Amino acid sequence: MYSGKSEELMRRVRRALIAGRRVEVFKSSLDDRYGGIGHVSSHDGLKLRARPVADARSMLAAVAAASDAANPAEVVAVDEVHFLEGDVAAAANQLADSGCRVILAGLDMDFRGDPFPAMSELLAVAEQVLKLHAICMKCGAPATRNQRLIDGRPAHVSGPTVQVGGPGDYEARCRACHETPGGEQEVRQR
């Protein structure tokens, strides 16, 4: 959240396009914020056309449909990859094994501070990882977590893991300022 993940993905895609590469861009079909379902968008308004997909299988099918032997995709980029269903790591490996450069952007942890399973696996198999940090909205330290808010207060640990939101729904937080009512921090404080 607010670390520049989507901006970095867009920067890399634009460089690939300048280099004349055949690029396919995807995003989670759950994310309809800012530029809408057909764009990867940053919080500050930058946009890039993208195809919405729900899962790894539909992404692979879309890459195959857009490619042919004479004109295969050379770069595949996916934003909000933590929202995709299915075996995302296997799909990324399949694309990389076929010669594609794969660029993925997503959150590594949910609002509780627990790893998104797909991201844990992707981080393990990635050849290069760039971990970006936002700034903690409470103290100004580097933020490694996202705080889901409901009526301005931290969401309870029992809330749904996946909930797309934007300004006012989430804040970037450092480890010390992050809290999840009903979670480990609350238990430690008792």
N, C-alpha and C. Protein backbone atom coordinates (compact mmCIF):
# COMPACT_ATOMS: atom_id res chain seq x y z
N MET A 1 0.83 -1.18 0.00
CA MET A 1 0.00 0.00 0.00
C MET A 1 0.87 1.25 0.00
N TYR A 2 0.72 2.04 -1.00
CA TYR A 2 1.37 3.36 -1.10
C TYR A 2 2.89 3.30 -1.12
N SER A 3 3.44 2.20 -1.60
CA SER A 3 4.90 2.07 -1.66
C SER A 3 5.46 2.29 -3.05
N GLY A 4 4.60 2.38 -4.05
CA GLY A 4 5.05 2.59 -5.42
C GLY A 4 5.14 1.30 -6.24
N LYS A 5 4.48 0.22 -5.80
CA LYS A 5 4.54 -1.06 -6.52
C LYS A 5 4.00 -0.93 -7.94
N SER A 6 2.81 -0.36 -8.07
CA SER A 6 2.19 -0.23 -9.39
C SER A 6 2.99 0.72 -10.27
N GLU A 7 3.49 1.80 -9.69
CA GLU A 7 4.33 2.74 -10.46
C GLU A 7 5.58 2.05 -10.99
N GLU A 8 6.21 1.20 -10.17
CA GLU A 8 7.41 0.49 -10.60
C GLU A 8 7.07 -0.51 -11.69
N LEU A 9 5.96 -1.22 -11.57
CA LEU A 9 5.54 -2.14 -12.62
C LEU A 9 5.32 -1.37 -13.92
N MET A 10 4.62 -0.24 -13.85
CA MET A 10 4.37 0.57 -15.06
C MET A 10 5.68 1.09 -15.66
N ARG A 11 6.62 1.49 -14.82
CA ARG A 11 7.92 1.97 -15.32
C ARG A 11 8.62 0.86 -16.09
N ARG A 12 8.62 -0.34 -15.55
CA ARG A 12 9.28 -1.46 -16.23
C ARG A 12 8.57 -1.84 -17.53
N VAL A 13 7.25 -1.78 -17.52
CA VAL A 13 6.49 -2.06 -18.75
C VAL A 13 6.81 -1.01 -19.81
N ARG A 14 6.82 0.24 -19.43
CA ARG A 14 7.12 1.30 -20.40
C ARG A 14 8.52 1.13 -21.00
N ARG A 15 9.47 0.75 -20.19
CA ARG A 15 10.83 0.51 -20.70
C ARG A 15 10.85 -0.66 -21.68
N ALA A 16 10.09 -1.71 -21.39
CA ALA A 16 10.01 -2.86 -22.30
C ALA A 16 9.37 -2.44 -23.62
N LEU A 17 8.35 -1.60 -23.55
CA LEU A 17 7.71 -1.10 -24.77
C LEU A 17 8.66 -0.24 -25.59
N ILE A 18 9.42 0.61 -24.92
CA ILE A 18 10.42 1.44 -25.62
C ILE A 18 11.44 0.55 -26.32
N ALA A 19 11.77 -0.57 -25.68
CA ALA A 19 12.73 -1.51 -26.27
C ALA A 19 12.12 -2.36 -27.38
N GLY A 20 10.83 -2.13 -27.68
CA GLY A 20 10.19 -2.86 -28.77
C GLY A 20 9.74 -4.26 -28.42
N ARG A 21 9.59 -4.57 -27.14
CA ARG A 21 9.17 -5.90 -26.71
C ARG A 21 7.65 -6.04 -26.83
N ARG A 22 7.20 -7.25 -27.05
CA ARG A 22 5.76 -7.54 -27.07
C ARG A 22 5.34 -7.79 -25.63
N VAL A 23 4.49 -6.91 -25.10
CA VAL A 23 4.14 -6.91 -23.68
C VAL A 23 2.65 -7.21 -23.49
N GLU A 24 2.36 -8.06 -22.52
CA GLU A 24 0.99 -8.33 -22.09
C GLU A 24 0.88 -7.91 -20.62
N VAL A 25 -0.10 -7.07 -20.31
CA VAL A 25 -0.28 -6.55 -18.94
C VAL A 25 -1.62 -7.02 -18.39
N PHE A 26 -1.59 -7.53 -17.17
CA PHE A 26 -2.79 -8.04 -16.50
C PHE A 26 -2.91 -7.43 -15.11
N LYS A 27 -4.11 -7.51 -14.58
CA LYS A 27 -4.36 -7.11 -13.20
C LYS A 27 -5.48 -7.97 -12.66
N SER A 28 -5.61 -8.01 -11.36
CA SER A 28 -6.68 -8.77 -10.73
C SER A 28 -8.03 -8.17 -11.10
N SER A 29 -8.97 -9.02 -11.44
CA SER A 29 -10.32 -8.56 -11.76
C SER A 29 -11.05 -8.04 -10.52
N LEU A 30 -10.50 -8.25 -9.34
CA LEU A 30 -11.09 -7.71 -8.11
C LEU A 30 -10.83 -6.21 -7.97
N ASP A 31 -9.81 -5.72 -8.62
CA ASP A 31 -9.36 -4.33 -8.42
C ASP A 31 -9.99 -3.40 -9.45
N ASP A 32 -11.04 -2.70 -9.03
CA ASP A 32 -11.70 -1.76 -9.93
C ASP A 32 -11.50 -0.30 -9.50
N ARG A 33 -10.46 -0.06 -8.70
CA ARG A 33 -10.20 1.29 -8.20
C ARG A 33 -9.62 2.18 -9.29
N TYR A 34 -9.61 3.47 -9.02
CA TYR A 34 -8.94 4.50 -9.81
C TYR A 34 -9.27 4.43 -11.29
N GLY A 35 -8.41 3.84 -12.11
CA GLY A 35 -8.60 3.83 -13.56
C GLY A 35 -9.59 2.80 -14.03
N GLY A 36 -10.20 2.05 -13.13
CA GLY A 36 -11.19 1.05 -13.51
C GLY A 36 -10.57 -0.30 -13.79
N ILE A 37 -11.42 -1.23 -14.16
CA ILE A 37 -11.03 -2.63 -14.33
C ILE A 37 -10.07 -2.84 -15.49
N GLY A 38 -10.02 -1.95 -16.44
CA GLY A 38 -9.17 -2.12 -17.62
C GLY A 38 -7.83 -1.44 -17.56
N HIS A 39 -7.43 -0.99 -16.37
CA HIS A 39 -6.15 -0.29 -16.23
C HIS A 39 -5.43 -0.67 -14.94
N VAL A 40 -4.11 -0.74 -15.01
CA VAL A 40 -3.29 -0.70 -13.81
C VAL A 40 -3.18 0.78 -13.48
N SER A 41 -3.41 1.13 -12.23
CA SER A 41 -3.38 2.54 -11.83
C SER A 41 -2.59 2.71 -10.55
N SER A 42 -1.95 3.86 -10.46
CA SER A 42 -1.24 4.19 -9.22
C SER A 42 -2.11 5.13 -8.40
N HIS A 43 -1.78 5.30 -7.14
CA HIS A 43 -2.55 6.18 -6.27
C HIS A 43 -2.51 7.62 -6.73
N ASP A 44 -1.47 8.00 -7.49
CA ASP A 44 -1.37 9.39 -7.92
C ASP A 44 -1.87 9.61 -9.35
N GLY A 45 -2.59 8.62 -9.90
CA GLY A 45 -3.29 8.84 -11.17
C GLY A 45 -2.63 8.31 -12.43
N LEU A 46 -1.44 7.74 -12.36
CA LEU A 46 -0.84 7.14 -13.56
C LEU A 46 -1.66 5.91 -13.96
N LYS A 47 -1.81 5.68 -15.27
CA LYS A 47 -2.60 4.55 -15.74
C LYS A 47 -1.89 3.83 -16.87
N LEU A 48 -2.16 2.54 -16.98
CA LEU A 48 -1.63 1.71 -18.05
C LEU A 48 -2.69 0.66 -18.37
N ARG A 49 -3.00 0.51 -19.65
CA ARG A 49 -4.01 -0.47 -20.05
C ARG A 49 -3.63 -1.88 -19.62
N ALA A 50 -4.62 -2.63 -19.11
CA ALA A 50 -4.38 -3.99 -18.63
C ALA A 50 -5.64 -4.82 -18.82
N ARG A 51 -5.45 -6.12 -18.89
CA ARG A 51 -6.58 -7.05 -18.96
C ARG A 51 -6.86 -7.61 -17.58
N PRO A 52 -8.11 -7.56 -17.14
CA PRO A 52 -8.44 -8.14 -15.84
C PRO A 52 -8.51 -9.67 -15.93
N VAL A 53 -7.94 -10.33 -14.93
CA VAL A 53 -8.01 -11.79 -14.82
C VAL A 53 -8.29 -12.15 -13.37
N ALA A 54 -8.97 -13.28 -13.19
CA ALA A 54 -9.32 -13.73 -11.84
C ALA A 54 -8.31 -14.70 -11.27
N ASP A 55 -7.61 -15.42 -12.17
CA ASP A 55 -6.74 -16.48 -11.67
C ASP A 55 -5.58 -16.74 -12.63
N ALA A 56 -4.66 -17.57 -12.17
CA ALA A 56 -3.46 -17.89 -12.94
C ALA A 56 -3.81 -18.57 -14.25
N ARG A 57 -4.78 -19.46 -14.22
CA ARG A 57 -5.16 -20.20 -15.43
C ARG A 57 -5.68 -19.25 -16.52
N SER A 58 -6.54 -18.30 -16.16
CA SER A 58 -7.07 -17.38 -17.16
C SER A 58 -5.99 -16.44 -17.69
N MET A 59 -5.01 -16.12 -16.85
CA MET A 59 -3.89 -15.31 -17.32
C MET A 59 -3.09 -16.08 -18.37
N LEU A 60 -2.77 -17.34 -18.09
CA LEU A 60 -2.03 -18.15 -19.06
C LEU A 60 -2.81 -18.31 -20.36
N ALA A 61 -4.12 -18.50 -20.26
CA ALA A 61 -4.96 -18.64 -21.46
C ALA A 61 -4.94 -17.35 -22.27
N ALA A 62 -4.99 -16.20 -21.60
CA ALA A 62 -4.97 -14.92 -22.31
C ALA A 62 -3.62 -14.68 -22.98
N VAL A 63 -2.53 -15.07 -22.33
CA VAL A 63 -1.20 -14.94 -22.95
C VAL A 63 -1.13 -15.83 -24.19
N ALA A 64 -1.61 -17.06 -24.08
CA ALA A 64 -1.59 -17.99 -25.22
C ALA A 64 -2.44 -17.47 -26.37
N ALA A 65 -3.62 -16.91 -26.05
CA ALA A 65 -4.52 -16.40 -27.09
C ALA A 65 -3.93 -15.18 -27.80
N ALA A 66 -3.16 -14.38 -27.07
CA ALA A 66 -2.58 -13.16 -27.65
C ALA A 66 -1.27 -13.44 -28.37
N SER A 67 -0.74 -14.62 -28.21
CA SER A 67 0.57 -14.97 -28.78
C SER A 67 0.41 -15.99 -29.89
N ASP A 68 1.37 -16.01 -30.76
CA ASP A 68 1.49 -17.09 -31.74
C ASP A 68 2.98 -17.36 -31.93
N ALA A 69 3.30 -18.39 -32.64
CA ALA A 69 4.71 -18.78 -32.81
C ALA A 69 5.53 -17.66 -33.41
N ALA A 70 4.94 -16.88 -34.30
CA ALA A 70 5.69 -15.80 -34.95
C ALA A 70 5.77 -14.55 -34.10
N ASN A 71 4.85 -14.42 -33.13
CA ASN A 71 4.78 -13.18 -32.36
C ASN A 71 4.43 -13.48 -30.90
N PRO A 72 5.30 -14.19 -30.16
CA PRO A 72 4.98 -14.54 -28.77
C PRO A 72 5.17 -13.35 -27.83
N ALA A 73 4.46 -13.41 -26.71
CA ALA A 73 4.67 -12.39 -25.68
C ALA A 73 6.09 -12.53 -25.15
N GLU A 74 6.76 -11.40 -25.01
CA GLU A 74 8.13 -11.41 -24.49
C GLU A 74 8.18 -10.96 -23.03
N VAL A 75 7.20 -10.14 -22.64
CA VAL A 75 7.12 -9.65 -21.27
C VAL A 75 5.67 -9.80 -20.81
N VAL A 76 5.49 -10.38 -19.63
CA VAL A 76 4.16 -10.48 -19.02
C VAL A 76 4.26 -9.79 -17.66
N ALA A 77 3.37 -8.81 -17.45
CA ALA A 77 3.34 -8.06 -16.20
C ALA A 77 1.98 -8.21 -15.55
N VAL A 78 1.98 -8.40 -14.23
CA VAL A 78 0.73 -8.57 -13.49
C VAL A 78 0.76 -7.70 -12.24
N ASP A 79 -0.25 -6.85 -12.08
CA ASP A 79 -0.38 -6.02 -10.88
C ASP A 79 -1.38 -6.66 -9.92
N GLU A 80 -1.22 -6.40 -8.64
CA GLU A 80 -2.09 -6.94 -7.59
C GLU A 80 -2.14 -8.47 -7.66
N VAL A 81 -0.97 -9.07 -7.89
CA VAL A 81 -0.88 -10.52 -8.07
C VAL A 81 -1.32 -11.29 -6.82
N HIS A 82 -1.25 -10.67 -5.65
CA HIS A 82 -1.67 -11.35 -4.42
C HIS A 82 -3.16 -11.68 -4.42
N PHE A 83 -3.96 -11.03 -5.29
CA PHE A 83 -5.39 -11.30 -5.38
C PHE A 83 -5.72 -12.46 -6.31
N LEU A 84 -4.77 -12.91 -7.13
CA LEU A 84 -5.08 -13.96 -8.11
C LEU A 84 -5.24 -15.31 -7.43
N GLU A 85 -6.21 -16.06 -7.89
CA GLU A 85 -6.44 -17.43 -7.43
C GLU A 85 -5.56 -18.38 -8.22
N GLY A 86 -5.44 -19.60 -7.74
CA GLY A 86 -4.71 -20.63 -8.47
C GLY A 86 -3.22 -20.61 -8.18
N ASP A 87 -2.50 -21.45 -8.88
CA ASP A 87 -1.07 -21.60 -8.67
C ASP A 87 -0.29 -20.55 -9.47
N VAL A 88 -0.20 -19.36 -8.89
CA VAL A 88 0.44 -18.23 -9.56
C VAL A 88 1.93 -18.49 -9.77
N ALA A 89 2.58 -19.12 -8.81
CA ALA A 89 4.02 -19.40 -8.95
C ALA A 89 4.27 -20.36 -10.10
N ALA A 90 3.44 -21.38 -10.24
CA ALA A 90 3.60 -22.32 -11.36
C ALA A 90 3.38 -21.61 -12.69
N ALA A 91 2.40 -20.71 -12.75
CA ALA A 91 2.14 -19.95 -13.98
C ALA A 91 3.33 -19.05 -14.31
N ALA A 92 3.86 -18.36 -13.30
CA ALA A 92 5.02 -17.49 -13.53
C ALA A 92 6.22 -18.30 -13.99
N ASN A 93 6.44 -19.46 -13.38
CA ASN A 93 7.54 -20.33 -13.81
C ASN A 93 7.34 -20.82 -15.23
N GLN A 94 6.12 -21.18 -15.58
CA GLN A 94 5.83 -21.64 -16.95
C GLN A 94 6.15 -20.54 -17.96
N LEU A 95 5.74 -19.32 -17.66
CA LEU A 95 6.03 -18.20 -18.56
C LEU A 95 7.53 -17.95 -18.66
N ALA A 96 8.21 -17.94 -17.51
CA ALA A 96 9.66 -17.71 -17.51
C ALA A 96 10.39 -18.82 -18.27
N ASP A 97 9.95 -20.07 -18.07
CA ASP A 97 10.58 -21.19 -18.78
C ASP A 97 10.39 -21.09 -20.29
N SER A 98 9.32 -20.42 -20.72
CA SER A 98 9.07 -20.27 -22.16
C SER A 98 9.83 -19.08 -22.75
N GLY A 99 10.57 -18.37 -21.89
CA GLY A 99 11.38 -17.26 -22.38
C GLY A 99 10.82 -15.87 -22.09
N CYS A 100 9.66 -15.80 -21.45
CA CYS A 100 9.07 -14.51 -21.10
C CYS A 100 9.80 -13.90 -19.91
N ARG A 101 9.89 -12.60 -19.93
CA ARG A 101 10.28 -11.86 -18.73
C ARG A 101 8.99 -11.64 -17.96
N VAL A 102 8.95 -12.00 -16.70
CA VAL A 102 7.74 -11.91 -15.88
C VAL A 102 7.95 -10.84 -14.82
N ILE A 103 7.04 -9.86 -14.78
CA ILE A 103 7.10 -8.76 -13.82
C ILE A 103 5.82 -8.82 -12.99
N LEU A 104 5.96 -9.02 -11.70
CA LEU A 104 4.80 -9.15 -10.82
C LEU A 104 4.88 -8.11 -9.72
N ALA A 105 3.73 -7.54 -9.37
CA ALA A 105 3.67 -6.58 -8.27
C ALA A 105 2.52 -6.96 -7.37
N GLY A 106 2.76 -6.95 -6.07
CA GLY A 106 1.70 -7.28 -5.12
C GLY A 106 2.16 -7.10 -3.70
N LEU A 107 1.22 -7.23 -2.80
CA LEU A 107 1.52 -7.16 -1.37
C LEU A 107 2.03 -8.50 -0.88
N ASP A 108 3.00 -8.47 0.01
CA ASP A 108 3.49 -9.73 0.56
C ASP A 108 2.70 -10.17 1.79
N MET A 109 2.02 -9.22 2.47
CA MET A 109 1.26 -9.56 3.69
C MET A 109 -0.13 -8.96 3.64
N ASP A 110 -1.06 -9.64 4.32
CA ASP A 110 -2.42 -9.12 4.43
C ASP A 110 -2.51 -8.13 5.59
N PHE A 111 -3.70 -7.64 5.88
CA PHE A 111 -3.87 -6.62 6.91
C PHE A 111 -3.53 -7.11 8.31
N ARG A 112 -3.48 -8.42 8.50
CA ARG A 112 -3.12 -8.99 9.80
C ARG A 112 -1.60 -9.06 9.99
N GLY A 113 -0.87 -8.92 8.89
CA GLY A 113 0.58 -9.10 8.93
C GLY A 113 0.97 -10.52 8.58
N ASP A 114 0.02 -11.32 8.08
CA ASP A 114 0.30 -12.69 7.65
C ASP A 114 0.65 -12.69 6.16
N PRO A 115 1.58 -13.55 5.74
CA PRO A 115 1.95 -13.60 4.32
C PRO A 115 0.80 -14.08 3.44
N PHE A 116 0.65 -13.45 2.27
CA PHE A 116 -0.24 -14.00 1.25
C PHE A 116 0.45 -15.25 0.72
N PRO A 117 -0.20 -16.41 0.72
CA PRO A 117 0.46 -17.65 0.30
C PRO A 117 1.11 -17.58 -1.08
N ALA A 118 0.41 -17.02 -2.06
CA ALA A 118 0.98 -16.95 -3.41
C ALA A 118 2.25 -16.12 -3.42
N MET A 119 2.27 -15.04 -2.66
CA MET A 119 3.44 -14.17 -2.65
C MET A 119 4.64 -14.85 -1.99
N SER A 120 4.39 -15.61 -0.95
CA SER A 120 5.50 -16.33 -0.30
C SER A 120 6.20 -17.24 -1.30
N GLU A 121 5.40 -17.95 -2.07
CA GLU A 121 5.96 -18.86 -3.06
C GLU A 121 6.66 -18.10 -4.18
N LEU A 122 6.05 -17.01 -4.64
CA LEU A 122 6.66 -16.21 -5.70
C LEU A 122 7.99 -15.61 -5.26
N LEU A 123 8.05 -15.12 -4.03
CA LEU A 123 9.30 -14.56 -3.52
C LEU A 123 10.40 -15.61 -3.49
N ALA A 124 10.01 -16.85 -3.21
CA ALA A 124 11.01 -17.93 -3.14
C ALA A 124 11.56 -18.29 -4.52
N VAL A 125 10.73 -18.24 -5.57
CA VAL A 125 11.19 -18.67 -6.89
C VAL A 125 11.65 -17.51 -7.78
N ALA A 126 11.44 -16.28 -7.34
CA ALA A 126 11.82 -15.12 -8.14
C ALA A 126 13.32 -15.03 -8.31
N GLU A 127 13.73 -14.59 -9.48
CA GLU A 127 15.15 -14.38 -9.74
C GLU A 127 15.61 -13.03 -9.24
N GLN A 128 14.68 -12.10 -9.14
CA GLN A 128 14.99 -10.77 -8.62
C GLN A 128 13.78 -10.29 -7.83
N VAL A 129 14.03 -9.70 -6.65
CA VAL A 129 12.97 -9.17 -5.81
C VAL A 129 13.32 -7.74 -5.42
N LEU A 130 12.38 -6.85 -5.62
CA LEU A 130 12.52 -5.47 -5.16
C LEU A 130 11.40 -5.24 -4.17
N LYS A 131 11.74 -5.11 -2.90
CA LYS A 131 10.72 -4.89 -1.88
C LYS A 131 10.68 -3.40 -1.56
N LEU A 132 9.55 -2.80 -1.89
CA LEU A 132 9.37 -1.37 -1.67
C LEU A 132 8.61 -1.15 -0.36
N HIS A 133 8.89 -0.04 0.29
CA HIS A 133 8.22 0.29 1.54
C HIS A 133 7.56 1.65 1.42
N ALA A 134 6.40 1.76 2.02
CA ALA A 134 5.72 3.04 2.15
C ALA A 134 6.26 3.74 3.40
N ILE A 135 5.63 4.81 3.77
CA ILE A 135 5.98 5.55 4.99
C ILE A 135 4.84 5.36 5.99
N CYS A 136 5.17 4.99 7.22
CA CYS A 136 4.18 4.77 8.26
C CYS A 136 3.37 6.06 8.48
N MET A 137 2.06 5.93 8.43
CA MET A 137 1.17 7.07 8.60
C MET A 137 1.08 7.54 10.05
N LYS A 138 1.63 6.75 10.97
CA LYS A 138 1.61 7.13 12.39
C LYS A 138 2.89 7.82 12.82
N CYS A 139 4.06 7.23 12.44
CA CYS A 139 5.32 7.72 13.00
C CYS A 139 6.35 8.14 11.95
N GLY A 140 6.11 7.83 10.68
CA GLY A 140 7.05 8.23 9.63
C GLY A 140 8.17 7.24 9.34
N ALA A 141 8.21 6.12 10.04
CA ALA A 141 9.22 5.09 9.80
C ALA A 141 8.88 4.33 8.51
N PRO A 142 9.82 3.54 7.98
CA PRO A 142 9.48 2.70 6.82
C PRO A 142 8.33 1.74 7.20
N ALA A 143 7.31 1.71 6.34
CA ALA A 143 6.13 0.88 6.61
C ALA A 143 6.24 -0.44 5.87
N THR A 144 6.09 -1.52 6.59
CA THR A 144 6.15 -2.86 6.00
C THR A 144 4.80 -3.55 6.02
N ARG A 145 3.78 -2.89 6.55
CA ARG A 145 2.46 -3.52 6.72
C ARG A 145 1.37 -2.57 6.28
N ASN A 146 0.18 -3.13 6.10
CA ASN A 146 -0.97 -2.28 5.81
C ASN A 146 -2.02 -2.47 6.89
N GLN A 147 -2.56 -1.38 7.33
CA GLN A 147 -3.55 -1.38 8.41
C GLN A 147 -4.92 -1.15 7.81
N ARG A 148 -5.79 -2.16 7.88
CA ARG A 148 -7.17 -1.97 7.40
C ARG A 148 -7.93 -1.20 8.47
N LEU A 149 -8.68 -0.20 8.03
CA LEU A 149 -9.44 0.63 8.95
C LEU A 149 -10.93 0.51 8.68
N ILE A 150 -11.71 0.50 9.75
CA ILE A 150 -13.16 0.55 9.66
C ILE A 150 -13.61 1.67 10.57
N ASP A 151 -14.22 2.68 9.98
CA ASP A 151 -14.60 3.90 10.72
C ASP A 151 -13.40 4.49 11.46
N GLY A 152 -12.23 4.45 10.81
CA GLY A 152 -11.03 5.05 11.37
C GLY A 152 -10.30 4.21 12.41
N ARG A 153 -10.81 3.03 12.71
CA ARG A 153 -10.20 2.17 13.71
C ARG A 153 -9.69 0.88 13.06
N PRO A 154 -8.64 0.27 13.60
CA PRO A 154 -8.11 -0.98 13.03
C PRO A 154 -9.17 -2.08 12.96
N ALA A 155 -9.22 -2.76 11.82
CA ALA A 155 -10.18 -3.86 11.62
C ALA A 155 -9.83 -5.04 12.51
N HIS A 156 -10.84 -5.76 12.92
CA HIS A 156 -10.65 -6.94 13.75
C HIS A 156 -10.01 -8.06 12.94
N VAL A 157 -9.23 -8.88 13.60
CA VAL A 157 -8.51 -9.99 12.97
C VAL A 157 -9.45 -10.96 12.25
N SER A 158 -10.70 -11.02 12.65
CA SER A 158 -11.65 -11.97 12.05
C SER A 158 -12.21 -11.49 10.71
N GLY A 159 -11.86 -10.29 10.29
CA GLY A 159 -12.36 -9.76 9.02
C GLY A 159 -11.86 -10.56 7.83
N PRO A 160 -12.51 -10.39 6.66
CA PRO A 160 -12.09 -11.12 5.47
C PRO A 160 -10.67 -10.75 5.06
N THR A 161 -9.92 -11.72 4.56
CA THR A 161 -8.54 -11.46 4.14
C THR A 161 -8.49 -10.54 2.94
N VAL A 162 -9.33 -10.80 1.94
CA VAL A 162 -9.31 -10.00 0.72
C VAL A 162 -10.43 -8.98 0.76
N GLN A 163 -10.04 -7.72 0.70
CA GLN A 163 -10.98 -6.61 0.65
C GLN A 163 -10.27 -5.45 -0.03
N VAL A 164 -10.66 -5.17 -1.27
CA VAL A 164 -10.01 -4.11 -2.03
C VAL A 164 -10.42 -2.78 -1.44
N GLY A 165 -9.46 -1.88 -1.28
CA GLY A 165 -9.76 -0.57 -0.72
C GLY A 165 -8.74 0.46 -1.14
N GLY A 166 -8.93 1.65 -0.70
CA GLY A 166 -8.04 2.75 -1.05
C GLY A 166 -7.87 3.69 0.12
N PRO A 167 -7.65 4.98 -0.17
CA PRO A 167 -7.47 5.96 0.91
C PRO A 167 -8.65 5.94 1.87
N GLY A 168 -8.34 5.91 3.16
CA GLY A 168 -9.36 5.84 4.18
C GLY A 168 -9.68 4.42 4.61
N ASP A 169 -9.44 3.45 3.72
CA ASP A 169 -9.69 2.05 4.05
C ASP A 169 -8.45 1.37 4.60
N TYR A 170 -7.29 1.85 4.19
CA TYR A 170 -6.01 1.28 4.60
C TYR A 170 -5.02 2.40 4.87
N GLU A 171 -4.09 2.12 5.78
CA GLU A 171 -2.95 3.00 6.01
C GLU A 171 -1.68 2.17 6.03
N ALA A 172 -0.59 2.74 5.55
CA ALA A 172 0.72 2.10 5.66
C ALA A 172 1.16 2.24 7.12
N ARG A 173 1.70 1.16 7.67
CA ARG A 173 2.17 1.19 9.06
C ARG A 173 3.47 0.42 9.19
N CYS A 174 4.30 0.85 10.14
CA CYS A 174 5.50 0.09 10.50
C CYS A 174 5.08 -1.02 11.46
N ARG A 175 5.99 -1.91 11.76
CA ARG A 175 5.69 -3.03 12.67
C ARG A 175 5.20 -2.52 14.03
N ALA A 176 5.83 -1.50 14.57
CA ALA A 176 5.49 -1.00 15.91
C ALA A 176 4.10 -0.36 15.95
N CYS A 177 3.68 0.27 14.88
CA CYS A 177 2.39 0.98 14.86
C CYS A 177 1.24 0.12 14.34
N HIS A 178 1.55 -1.03 13.75
CA HIS A 178 0.50 -1.90 13.20
C HIS A 178 -0.21 -2.62 14.33
N GLU A 179 -1.53 -2.68 14.25
CA GLU A 179 -2.30 -3.42 15.25
C GLU A 179 -3.50 -4.08 14.59
N THR A 180 -3.85 -5.24 15.09
CA THR A 180 -5.03 -5.96 14.61
C THR A 180 -5.79 -6.42 15.85
N PRO A 181 -6.90 -5.74 16.18
CA PRO A 181 -7.67 -6.15 17.36
C PRO A 181 -8.04 -7.63 17.30
N GLY A 182 -7.82 -8.32 18.40
CA GLY A 182 -8.09 -9.75 18.47
C GLY A 182 -6.88 -10.56 18.02
N GLY A 183 -5.84 -9.88 17.60
CA GLY A 183 -4.64 -10.56 17.10
C GLY A 183 -3.53 -10.62 18.13
N GLU A 184 -2.34 -10.95 17.68
CA GLU A 184 -1.20 -11.19 18.55
C GLU A 184 -0.82 -9.98 19.39
N GLN A 185 -0.84 -8.76 18.76
CA GLN A 185 -0.45 -7.57 19.51
C GLN A 185 -1.39 -7.34 20.69
N GLU A 186 -2.70 -7.52 20.49
CA GLU A 186 -3.65 -7.32 21.57
C GLU A 186 -3.44 -8.34 22.68
N VAL A 187 -3.17 -9.58 22.31
CA VAL A 187 -2.92 -10.63 23.30
C VAL A 187 -1.67 -10.30 24.11
N ARG A 188 -0.61 -9.80 23.46
CA ARG A 188 0.63 -9.45 24.18
C ARG A 188 0.39 -8.32 25.17
N GLN A 189 -0.53 -7.40 24.87
CA GLN A 189 -0.75 -6.24 25.72
C GLN A 189 -1.52 -6.58 26.99
N ARG A 190 -2.22 -7.71 27.02
CA ARG A 190 -3.03 -8.06 28.20
C ARG A 190 -2.22 -8.52 29.34
